Amino acid sequence: MKSTKEITRFKAKSDNGVICSVIEFQEYESILSSIGTVSKTEGITRWKTTSGDLLKPLGSESYRNVNTNEIIQKIT
């Protein structure tokens, strides 16, 4: 069974100066073994703006908005 957990939220700024909120999600896969134990493994990490736009990581603190192709930078 798959599950998703919110890891963190942070602010980011686009090339044109617009500030947005970004949510980092971690997906997990729970697997039931034949002896009845459940193990949880980490899956894909995803980033989205709070308005729902999917982001692709470009580096440690920069992302590309998949819908608009804008580059945004994490504000530290």
Protein backbone atom coordinates (compact mmCIF):
# COMPACT_ATOMS: atom_id res chain seq x y z
CA MET A 1 0.00 0.00 0.00
CA LYS A 2 1.30 3.46 -0.91
CA SER A 3 1.11 6.50 1.33
CA THR A 4 2.32 10.09 1.10
CA LYS A 5 3.63 12.26 3.91
CA GLU A 6 4.27 15.99 3.93
CA ILE A 7 7.92 16.50 4.87
CA THR A 8 8.35 20.27 4.89
CA ARG A 9 7.11 23.61 3.56
CA PHE A 10 9.22 26.51 2.44
CA LYS A 11 9.03 29.78 0.51
CA ALA A 12 10.49 30.17 -2.96
CA LYS A 13 10.90 33.07 -5.36
CA SER A 14 10.47 32.93 -9.14
CA ASP A 15 12.64 34.69 -11.71
CA ASN A 16 10.02 37.43 -12.02
CA GLY A 17 9.94 38.04 -8.24
CA VAL A 18 6.77 36.17 -7.31
CA ILE A 19 6.99 34.41 -3.94
CA CYS A 20 5.16 31.11 -3.48
CA SER A 21 4.91 28.35 -0.89
CA VAL A 22 6.29 24.91 -1.74
CA ILE A 23 5.40 21.59 -0.12
CA GLU A 24 7.81 18.64 -0.17
CA PHE A 25 6.13 15.22 -0.13
CA GLN A 26 7.69 11.79 0.47
CA GLU A 27 5.95 8.69 -0.84
CA TYR A 28 6.19 5.40 1.06
CA GLU A 29 5.38 1.81 0.14
CA SER A 30 4.21 -0.56 2.88
CA ILE A 31 4.85 -4.23 2.11
CA LEU A 32 3.35 -7.12 4.06
CA SER A 33 5.70 -10.10 4.22
CA SER A 34 4.63 -13.72 4.17
CA ILE A 35 5.26 -13.95 7.94
CA GLY A 36 2.99 -10.99 8.69
CA THR A 37 5.48 -8.19 9.28
CA VAL A 38 5.10 -4.84 7.54
CA SER A 39 8.08 -2.98 6.17
CA LYS A 40 7.94 0.61 4.97
CA THR A 41 10.28 1.80 2.22
CA GLU A 42 10.80 5.33 0.93
CA GLY A 43 9.73 6.07 -2.60
CA ILE A 44 9.69 9.19 -4.75
CA THR A 45 10.05 12.70 -3.33
CA ARG A 46 7.78 15.29 -4.95
CA TRP A 47 7.49 19.06 -4.73
CA LYS A 48 4.37 21.12 -5.41
CA THR A 49 3.35 24.71 -4.92
CA THR A 50 0.41 25.31 -2.62
CA SER A 51 -1.57 26.23 -5.75
CA GLY A 52 -0.95 22.68 -7.06
CA ASP A 53 1.79 23.19 -9.66
CA LEU A 54 4.26 20.29 -9.88
CA LEU A 55 7.94 21.22 -9.52
CA LYS A 56 11.02 19.38 -10.83
CA PRO A 57 14.26 19.79 -8.89
CA LEU A 58 17.15 21.38 -10.79
CA GLY A 59 19.61 21.56 -7.92
CA SER A 60 19.66 21.61 -4.18
CA GLU A 61 17.56 24.79 -3.92
CA SER A 62 16.17 25.46 -7.41
CA TYR A 63 13.11 24.01 -9.13
CA ARG A 64 11.30 24.31 -12.46
CA ASN A 65 7.53 24.74 -12.50
CA VAL A 66 6.31 22.02 -14.89
CA ASN A 67 3.22 24.05 -15.90
CA THR A 68 4.90 27.42 -16.57
CA ASN A 69 8.59 26.49 -17.06
CA GLU A 70 9.51 29.21 -14.54
CA ILE A 71 12.58 28.64 -12.41
CA ILE A 72 12.10 29.23 -8.69
CA GLN A 73 14.71 29.41 -5.94
CA LYS A 74 14.25 28.41 -2.32
CA ILE A 75 14.39 31.41 0.00
CA THR A 76 16.74 30.75 2.91
